[in-house]
């Protein structure tokens, strides 16, 4: 379970799904309530919470907005690694 009051480094889609579930539950929202806010069905919310790798950027941004979350991107700071891909 994630503490939704602090920032999280997410490295996998599964972690994203867990964060979205924790944020939803922490705000005492049902899947149906989130679905209504972002224009999806409750079944789709349920599916995407378990298969976060299939969430589109548009859906993710809407989801973050509905839950009062911010999405931050930045360079990864890994000692000894180069910034080149």
PDB file of N, CA and C in Angstrom:
ATOM      1  N   UNK A   1       0.837  -1.182   0.000  1.00  0.00           N
ATOM      2  CA  UNK A   1       0.000   0.000   0.000  1.00  0.00           C
ATOM      3  C   UNK A   1       0.880   1.242   0.000  1.00  0.00           C
ATOM      4  N   UNK A   2       0.561   2.197  -0.842  1.00  0.00           N
ATOM      5  CA  UNK A   2       1.321   3.424  -0.962  1.00  0.00           C
ATOM      6  C   UNK A   2       0.791   4.495  -0.028  1.00  0.00           C
ATOM      7  N   UNK A   3       1.682   5.323   0.469  1.00  0.00           N
ATOM      8  CA  UNK A   3       1.279   6.533   1.193  1.00  0.00           C
ATOM      9  C   UNK A   3       1.058   7.595   0.127  1.00  0.00           C
ATOM     10  N   UNK A   4      -0.194   7.975  -0.076  1.00  0.00           N
ATOM     11  CA  UNK A   4      -0.512   8.888  -1.171  1.00  0.00           C
ATOM     12  C   UNK A   4      -0.207  10.337  -0.862  1.00  0.00           C
ATOM     13  N   UNK A   5       0.294  10.619   0.353  1.00  0.00           N
ATOM     14  CA  UNK A   5       0.597  11.990   0.711  1.00  0.00           C
ATOM     15  C   UNK A   5       2.008  12.400   0.311  1.00  0.00           C
ATOM     16  N   UNK A   6       2.787  11.485  -0.261  1.00  0.00           N
ATOM     17  CA  UNK A   6       4.151  11.817  -0.661  1.00  0.00           C
ATOM     18  C   UNK A   6       4.412  11.362  -2.091  1.00  0.00           C
ATOM     19  N   UNK A   7       5.532  11.828  -2.645  1.00  0.00           N
ATOM     20  CA  UNK A   7       5.895  11.486  -4.015  1.00  0.00           C
ATOM     21  C   UNK A   7       6.407  10.042  -4.077  1.00  0.00           C
ATOM     22  N   UNK A   8       6.233   9.422  -5.233  1.00  0.00           N
ATOM     23  CA  UNK A   8       6.655   8.037  -5.420  1.00  0.00           C
ATOM     24  C   UNK A   8       7.420   7.892  -6.724  1.00  0.00           C
ATOM     25  N   UNK A   9       8.478   7.129  -6.669  1.00  0.00           N
ATOM     26  CA  UNK A   9       9.203   6.736  -7.857  1.00  0.00           C
ATOM     27  C   UNK A   9       8.561   5.455  -8.358  1.00  0.00           C
ATOM     28  N   UNK A  10       7.950   5.521  -9.518  1.00  0.00           N
ATOM     29  CA  UNK A  10       7.300   4.351 -10.098  1.00  0.00           C
ATOM     30  C   UNK A  10       8.180   3.796 -11.205  1.00  0.00           C
ATOM     31  N   UNK A  11       8.461   2.530 -11.124  1.00  0.00           N
ATOM     32  CA  UNK A  11       9.306   1.883 -12.120  1.00  0.00           C
ATOM     33  C   UNK A  11       8.564   0.853 -12.948  1.00  0.00           C
ATOM     34  N   UNK A  12       7.374   0.458 -12.494  1.00  0.00           N
ATOM     35  CA  UNK A  12       6.612  -0.551 -13.220  1.00  0.00           C
ATOM     36  C   UNK A  12       5.151  -0.136 -13.335  1.00  0.00           C
ATOM     37  N   UNK A  13       4.477  -0.717 -14.297  1.00  0.00           N
ATOM     38  CA  UNK A  13       3.044  -0.471 -14.460  1.00  0.00           C
ATOM     39  C   UNK A  13       2.274  -1.004 -13.255  1.00  0.00           C
ATOM     40  N   UNK A  14       2.722  -2.097 -12.696  1.00  0.00           N
ATOM     41  CA  UNK A  14       2.044  -2.666 -11.522  1.00  0.00           C
ATOM     42  C   UNK A  14       2.069  -1.665 -10.359  1.00  0.00           C
ATOM     43  N   UNK A  15       3.178  -0.968 -10.186  1.00  0.00           N
ATOM     44  CA  UNK A  15       3.272   0.040  -9.135  1.00  0.00           C
ATOM     45  C   UNK A  15       2.300   1.184  -9.402  1.00  0.00           C
ATOM     46  N   UNK A  16       2.151   1.564 -10.658  1.00  0.00           N
ATOM     47  CA  UNK A  16       1.190   2.610 -11.014  1.00  0.00           C
ATOM     48  C   UNK A  16      -0.217   2.168 -10.649  1.00  0.00           C
ATOM     49  N   UNK A  17      -0.562   0.957 -10.992  1.00  0.00           N
ATOM     50  CA  UNK A  17      -1.885   0.431 -10.661  1.00  0.00           C
ATOM     51  C   UNK A  17      -2.135   0.449  -9.165  1.00  0.00           C
ATOM     52  N   UNK A  18      -1.147   0.024  -8.388  1.00  0.00           N
ATOM     53  CA  UNK A  18      -1.274   0.021  -6.927  1.00  0.00           C
ATOM     54  C   UNK A  18      -1.455   1.434  -6.392  1.00  0.00           C
ATOM     55  N   UNK A  19      -0.723   2.379  -6.955  1.00  0.00           N
ATOM     56  CA  UNK A  19      -0.840   3.771  -6.516  1.00  0.00           C
ATOM     57  C   UNK A  19      -2.228   4.331  -6.822  1.00  0.00           C
ATOM     58  N   UNK A  20      -2.751   4.027  -7.995  1.00  0.00           N
ATOM     59  CA  UNK A  20      -4.079   4.517  -8.358  1.00  0.00           C
ATOM     60  C   UNK A  20      -5.159   3.926  -7.451  1.00  0.00           C
ATOM     61  N   UNK A  21      -5.034   2.654  -7.122  1.00  0.00           N
ATOM     62  CA  UNK A  21      -5.987   2.014  -6.204  1.00  0.00           C
ATOM     63  C   UNK A  21      -5.881   2.658  -4.817  1.00  0.00           C
ATOM     64  N   UNK A  22      -4.662   2.825  -4.317  1.00  0.00           N
ATOM     65  CA  UNK A  22      -4.467   3.413  -2.994  1.00  0.00           C
ATOM     66  C   UNK A  22      -4.989   4.838  -2.930  1.00  0.00           C
ATOM     67  N   UNK A  23      -4.738   5.613  -3.977  1.00  0.00           N
ATOM     68  CA  UNK A  23      -5.220   6.990  -4.006  1.00  0.00           C
ATOM     69  C   UNK A  23      -6.744   7.030  -4.030  1.00  0.00           C
ATOM     70  N   UNK A  24      -7.336   6.166  -4.829  1.00  0.00           N
ATOM     71  CA  UNK A  24      -8.806   6.101  -4.907  1.00  0.00           C
ATOM     72  C   UNK A  24      -9.406   5.729  -3.557  1.00  0.00           C
ATOM     73  N   UNK A  25      -8.876   4.687  -2.955  1.00  0.00           N
ATOM     74  CA  UNK A  25      -9.398   4.243  -1.662  1.00  0.00           C
ATOM     75  C   UNK A  25      -9.126   5.268  -0.568  1.00  0.00           C
ATOM     76  N   UNK A  26      -7.963   5.911  -0.628  1.00  0.00           N
ATOM     77  CA  UNK A  26      -7.626   6.933   0.355  1.00  0.00           C
ATOM     78  C   UNK A  26      -8.575   8.121   0.316  1.00  0.00           C
ATOM     79  N   UNK A  27      -9.158   8.345  -0.844  1.00  0.00           N
ATOM     80  CA  UNK A  27     -10.135   9.430  -0.995  1.00  0.00           C
ATOM     81  C   UNK A  27     -11.570   8.915  -0.864  1.00  0.00           C
ATOM     82  N   UNK A  28     -11.685   7.632  -0.486  1.00  0.00           N
ATOM     83  CA  UNK A  28     -12.985   6.982  -0.278  1.00  0.00           C
ATOM     84  C   UNK A  28     -13.882   7.068  -1.518  1.00  0.00           C
ATOM     85  N   UNK A  29     -13.260   6.846  -2.671  1.00  0.00           N
ATOM     86  CA  UNK A  29     -13.990   6.830  -3.935  1.00  0.00           C
ATOM     87  C   UNK A  29     -14.132   5.397  -4.429  1.00  0.00           C
ATOM     88  N   UNK A  30     -15.273   5.096  -5.003  1.00  0.00           N
ATOM     89  CA  UNK A  30     -15.477   3.794  -5.628  1.00  0.00           C
ATOM     90  C   UNK A  30     -14.917   3.831  -7.052  1.00  0.00           C
ATOM     91  N   UNK A  31     -14.768   2.663  -7.624  1.00  0.00           N
ATOM     92  CA  UNK A  31     -14.370   2.600  -9.030  1.00  0.00           C
ATOM     93  C   UNK A  31     -15.406   3.297  -9.894  1.00  0.00           C
ATOM     94  N   UNK A  32     -16.680   3.159  -9.544  1.00  0.00           N
ATOM     95  CA  UNK A  32     -17.752   3.792 -10.314  1.00  0.00           C
ATOM     96  C   UNK A  32     -17.646   5.313 -10.262  1.00  0.00           C
ATOM     97  N   UNK A  33     -17.287   5.852  -9.098  1.00  0.00           N
ATOM     98  CA  UNK A  33     -17.148   7.304  -8.970  1.00  0.00           C
ATOM     99  C   UNK A  33     -15.996   7.820  -9.831  1.00  0.00           C
ATOM    100  N   UNK A  34     -14.879   7.112  -9.811  1.00  0.00           N
ATOM    101  CA  UNK A  34     -13.741   7.507 -10.651  1.00  0.00           C
ATOM    102  C   UNK A  34     -14.120   7.378 -12.121  1.00  0.00           C
ATOM    103  N   UNK A  35     -14.788   6.313 -12.458  1.00  0.00           N
ATOM    104  CA  UNK A  35     -15.210   6.092 -13.849  1.00  0.00           C
ATOM    105  C   UNK A  35     -16.063   7.249 -14.351  1.00  0.00           C
ATOM    106  N   UNK A  36     -17.006   7.697 -13.537  1.00  0.00           N
ATOM    107  CA  UNK A  36     -17.867   8.818 -13.922  1.00  0.00           C
ATOM    108  C   UNK A  36     -17.041  10.080 -14.139  1.00  0.00           C
ATOM    109  N   UNK A  37     -16.080  10.310 -13.265  1.00  0.00           N
ATOM    110  CA  UNK A  37     -15.251  11.520 -13.360  1.00  0.00           C
ATOM    111  C   UNK A  37     -14.381  11.554 -14.617  1.00  0.00           C
ATOM    112  N   UNK A  38     -13.963  10.378 -15.088  1.00  0.00           N
ATOM    113  CA  UNK A  38     -13.049  10.381 -16.242  1.00  0.00           C
ATOM    114  C   UNK A  38     -13.668   9.809 -17.519  1.00  0.00           C
ATOM    115  N   UNK A  39     -14.942   9.489 -17.459  1.00  0.00           N
ATOM    116  CA  UNK A  39     -15.643   9.072 -18.671  1.00  0.00           C
ATOM    117  C   UNK A  39     -15.387   7.651 -19.123  1.00  0.00           C
ATOM    118  N   UNK A  40     -15.154   6.759 -18.180  1.00  0.00           N
ATOM    119  CA  UNK A  40     -14.977   5.347 -18.489  1.00  0.00           C
ATOM    120  C   UNK A  40     -16.006   4.541 -17.707  1.00  0.00           C
ATOM    121  N   UNK A  41     -16.116   3.265 -18.011  1.00  0.00           N
ATOM    122  CA  UNK A  41     -17.019   2.398 -17.255  1.00  0.00           C
ATOM    123  C   UNK A  41     -16.315   1.901 -15.990  1.00  0.00           C
ATOM    124  N   UNK A  42     -17.089   1.466 -15.026  1.00  0.00           N
ATOM    125  CA  UNK A  42     -16.523   0.896 -13.811  1.00  0.00           C
ATOM    126  C   UNK A  42     -15.711  -0.348 -14.142  1.00  0.00           C
ATOM    127  N   UNK A  43     -16.195  -1.134 -15.092  1.00  0.00           N
ATOM    128  CA  UNK A  43     -15.461  -2.342 -15.498  1.00  0.00           C
ATOM    129  C   UNK A  43     -14.087  -1.988 -16.061  1.00  0.00           C
ATOM    130  N   UNK A  44     -14.035  -0.905 -16.829  1.00  0.00           N
ATOM    131  CA  UNK A  44     -12.754  -0.486 -17.425  1.00  0.00           C
ATOM    132  C   UNK A  44     -11.793  -0.005 -16.335  1.00  0.00           C
ATOM    133  N   UNK A  45     -12.298   0.731 -15.338  1.00  0.00           N
ATOM    134  CA  UNK A  45     -11.453   1.172 -14.233  1.00  0.00           C
ATOM    135  C   UNK A  45     -10.880  -0.038 -13.506  1.00  0.00           C
ATOM    136  N   UNK A  46     -11.733  -1.016 -13.215  1.00  0.00           N
ATOM    137  CA  UNK A  46     -11.294  -2.237 -12.551  1.00  0.00           C
ATOM    138  C   UNK A  46     -10.179  -2.911 -13.352  1.00  0.00           C
ATOM    139  N   UNK A  47     -10.395  -3.028 -14.653  1.00  0.00           N
ATOM    140  CA  UNK A  47      -9.409  -3.674 -15.527  1.00  0.00           C
ATOM    141  C   UNK A  47      -8.090  -2.898 -15.530  1.00  0.00           C
ATOM    142  N   UNK A  48      -8.176  -1.576 -15.683  1.00  0.00           N
ATOM    143  CA  UNK A  48      -6.967  -0.762 -15.780  1.00  0.00           C
ATOM    144  C   UNK A  48      -6.195  -0.698 -14.465  1.00  0.00           C
ATOM    145  N   UNK A  49      -6.879  -0.792 -13.346  1.00  0.00           N
ATOM    146  CA  UNK A  49      -6.162  -0.845 -12.073  1.00  0.00           C
ATOM    147  C   UNK A  49      -5.302  -2.101 -11.988  1.00  0.00           C
ATOM    148  N   UNK A  50      -5.719  -3.162 -12.633  1.00  0.00           N
ATOM    149  CA  UNK A  50      -4.957  -4.414 -12.639  1.00  0.00           C
ATOM    150  C   UNK A  50      -4.006  -4.528 -13.822  1.00  0.00           C
ATOM    151  N   UNK A  51      -4.248  -3.728 -14.873  1.00  0.00           N
ATOM    152  CA  UNK A  51      -3.430  -3.767 -16.089  1.00  0.00           C
ATOM    153  C   UNK A  51      -3.034  -2.337 -16.461  1.00  0.00           C
ATOM    154  N   UNK A  52      -2.310  -1.689 -15.554  1.00  0.00           N
ATOM    155  CA  UNK A  52      -1.978  -0.272 -15.726  1.00  0.00           C
ATOM    156  C   UNK A  52      -1.108  -0.015 -16.961  1.00  0.00           C
ATOM    157  N   UNK A  53      -0.485  -1.049 -17.495  1.00  0.00           N
ATOM    158  CA  UNK A  53       0.316  -0.877 -18.706  1.00  0.00           C
ATOM    159  C   UNK A  53      -0.547  -0.518 -19.915  1.00  0.00           C
ATOM    160  N   UNK A  54      -1.861  -0.650 -19.793  1.00  0.00           N
ATOM    161  CA  UNK A  54      -2.762  -0.335 -20.896  1.00  0.00           C
ATOM    162  C   UNK A  54      -3.439   1.032 -20.750  1.00  0.00           C
ATOM    163  N   UNK A  55      -3.081   1.792 -19.710  1.00  0.00           N
ATOM    164  CA  UNK A  55      -3.650   3.124 -19.527  1.00  0.00           C
ATOM    165  C   UNK A  55      -2.999   4.082 -20.513  1.00  0.00           C
ATOM    166  N   UNK A  56      -3.823   4.817 -21.248  1.00  0.00           N
ATOM    167  CA  UNK A  56      -3.276   5.813 -22.173  1.00  0.00           C
ATOM    168  C   UNK A  56      -2.828   7.045 -21.381  1.00  0.00           C
ATOM    169  N   UNK A  57      -2.003   7.852 -21.982  1.00  0.00           N
ATOM    170  CA  UNK A  57      -1.556   9.088 -21.342  1.00  0.00           C
ATOM    171  C   UNK A  57      -2.762   9.973 -21.032  1.00  0.00           C
ATOM    172  N   UNK A  58      -3.689  10.074 -21.967  1.00  0.00           N
ATOM    173  CA  UNK A  58      -4.893  10.877 -21.760  1.00  0.00           C
ATOM    174  C   UNK A  58      -5.681  10.364 -20.550  1.00  0.00           C
ATOM    175  N   UNK A  59      -5.846   9.052 -20.454  1.00  0.00           N
ATOM    176  CA  UNK A  59      -6.555   8.461 -19.319  1.00  0.00           C
ATOM    177  C   UNK A  59      -5.808   8.712 -18.017  1.00  0.00           C
ATOM    178  N   UNK A  60      -4.484   8.557 -18.047  1.00  0.00           N
ATOM    179  CA  UNK A  60      -3.685   8.756 -16.843  1.00  0.00           C
ATOM    180  C   UNK A  60      -3.795  10.191 -16.343  1.00  0.00           C
ATOM    181  N   UNK A  61      -3.712  11.146 -17.244  1.00  0.00           N
ATOM    182  CA  UNK A  61      -3.820  12.546 -16.838  1.00  0.00           C
ATOM    183  C   UNK A  61      -5.205  12.856 -16.284  1.00  0.00           C
ATOM    184  N   UNK A  62      -6.241  12.314 -16.899  1.00  0.00           N
ATOM    185  CA  UNK A  62      -7.602  12.501 -16.388  1.00  0.00           C
ATOM    186  C   UNK A  62      -7.761  11.842 -15.023  1.00  0.00           C
ATOM    187  N   UNK A  63      -7.200  10.658 -14.878  1.00  0.00           N
ATOM    188  CA  UNK A  63      -7.273   9.910 -13.630  1.00  0.00           C
ATOM    189  C   UNK A  63      -6.579  10.689 -12.514  1.00  0.00           C
ATOM    190  N   UNK A  64      -5.386  11.205 -12.808  1.00  0.00           N
ATOM    191  CA  UNK A  64      -4.659  12.004 -11.817  1.00  0.00           C
ATOM    192  C   UNK A  64      -5.481  13.217 -11.403  1.00  0.00           C
ATOM    193  N   UNK A  65      -6.077  13.877 -12.358  1.00  0.00           N
ATOM    194  CA  UNK A  65      -6.910  15.040 -12.061  1.00  0.00           C
ATOM    195  C   UNK A  65      -8.095  14.650 -11.174  1.00  0.00           C
ATOM    196  N   UNK A  66      -8.739  13.549 -11.482  1.00  0.00           N
ATOM    197  CA  UNK A  66      -9.906  13.097 -10.718  1.00  0.00           C
ATOM    198  C   UNK A  66      -9.550  12.741  -9.279  1.00  0.00           C
ATOM    199  N   UNK A  67      -8.316  12.298  -9.060  1.00  0.00           N
ATOM    200  CA  UNK A  67      -7.889  11.890  -7.722  1.00  0.00           C
ATOM    201  C   UNK A  67      -7.084  12.972  -7.005  1.00  0.00           C
ATOM    202  N   UNK A  68      -6.873  14.105  -7.660  1.00  0.00           N
ATOM    203  CA  UNK A  68      -6.093  15.168  -7.042  1.00  0.00           C
ATOM    204  C   UNK A  68      -4.609  14.848  -6.974  1.00  0.00           C
ATOM    205  N   UNK A  69      -4.128  14.095  -7.957  1.00  0.00           N
ATOM    206  CA  UNK A  69      -2.712  13.738  -8.033  1.00  0.00           C
ATOM    207  C   UNK A  69      -2.012  14.593  -9.081  1.00  0.00           C
ATOM    208  N   UNK A  70      -0.709  14.747  -8.927  1.00  0.00           N
ATOM    209  CA  UNK A  70       0.119  15.411  -9.930  1.00  0.00           C
ATOM    210  C   UNK A  70       1.057  14.383 -10.535  1.00  0.00           C
ATOM    211  N   UNK A  71       1.338  14.549 -11.793  1.00  0.00           N
ATOM    212  CA  UNK A  71       2.288  13.683 -12.478  1.00  0.00           C
ATOM    213  C   UNK A  71       3.545  14.498 -12.743  1.00  0.00           C
ATOM    214  N   UNK A  72       4.666  14.042 -12.203  1.00  0.00           N
ATOM    215  CA  UNK A  72       5.950  14.726 -12.392  1.00  0.00           C
ATOM    216  C   UNK A  72       6.883  13.796 -13.159  1.00  0.00           C
ATOM    217  N   UNK A  73       7.596  14.337 -14.102  1.00  0.00           N
ATOM    218  CA  UNK A  73       8.612  13.587 -14.820  1.00  0.00           C
ATOM    219  C   UNK A  73       9.948  14.292 -14.618  1.00  0.00           C
ATOM    220  N   UNK A  74      10.989  13.516 -14.529  1.00  0.00           N
ATOM    221  CA  UNK A  74      12.309  14.104 -14.365  1.00  0.00           C
ATOM    222  C   UNK A  74      13.365  13.074 -14.691  1.00  0.00           C
ATOM    223  N   UNK A  75      14.586  13.555 -14.750  1.00  0.00           N
ATOM    224  CA  UNK A  75      15.698  12.654 -15.024  1.00  0.00           C
ATOM    225  C   UNK A  75      15.909  11.724 -13.849  1.00  0.00           C
ATOM    226  N   UNK A  76      16.229  10.517 -14.182  1.00  0.00           N
ATOM    227  CA  UNK A  76      16.506   9.514 -13.171  1.00  0.00           C
ATOM    228  C   UNK A  76      17.942   9.682 -12.706  1.00  0.00           C
ATOM    229  N   UNK A  77      18.140   9.715 -11.426  1.00  0.00           N
ATOM    230  CA  UNK A  77      19.467   9.894 -10.857  1.00  0.00           C
ATOM    231  C   UNK A  77      19.994   8.547 -10.374  1.00  0.00           C
ATOM    232  N   UNK A  78      20.759   7.905 -11.243  1.00  0.00           N
ATOM    233  CA  UNK A  78      21.339   6.610 -10.889  1.00  0.00           C
ATOM    234  C   UNK A  78      22.848   6.757 -10.882  1.00  0.00           C
ATOM    235  N   UNK A  79      23.477   6.597  -9.727  1.00  0.00           N
ATOM    236  CA  UNK A  79      24.932   6.735  -9.656  1.00  0.00           C
ATOM    237  C   UNK A  79      25.641   5.798 -10.635  1.00  0.00           C
ATOM    238  N   UNK A  80      26.591   6.348 -11.368  1.00  0.00           N
ATOM    239  CA  UNK A  80      27.394   5.545 -12.278  1.00  0.00           C
ATOM    240  C   UNK A  80      26.776   5.276 -13.630  1.00  0.00           C
ATOM    241  N   UNK A  81      25.564   5.805 -13.892  1.00  0.00           N
ATOM    242  CA  UNK A  81      24.947   5.564 -15.194  1.00  0.00           C
ATOM    243  C   UNK A  81      25.055   6.818 -16.044  1.00  0.00           C
ATOM    244  N   UNK A  82      25.034   6.633 -17.351  1.00  0.00           N
ATOM    245  CA  UNK A  82      25.080   7.782 -18.235  1.00  0.00           C
ATOM    246  C   UNK A  82      23.652   8.208 -18.559  1.00  0.00           C
ATOM    247  N   UNK A  83      23.494   9.465 -18.925  1.00  0.00           N
ATOM    248  CA  UNK A  83      22.160   9.987 -19.244  1.00  0.00           C
ATOM    249  C   UNK A  83      21.726   9.627 -20.666  1.00  0.00           C
ATOM    250  N   UNK A  84      22.629   9.012 -21.435  1.00  0.00           N
ATOM    251  CA  UNK A  84      22.308   8.668 -22.818  1.00  0.00           C
ATOM    252  C   UNK A  84      21.535   7.363 -22.905  1.00  0.00           C
ATOM    253  N   UNK A  85      20.668   7.280 -23.903  1.00  0.00           N
ATOM    254  CA  UNK A  85      19.891   6.069 -24.125  1.00  0.00           C
ATOM    255  C   UNK A  85      20.662   5.277 -25.111  1.00  0.00           C
TER     256      UNK A  85
END
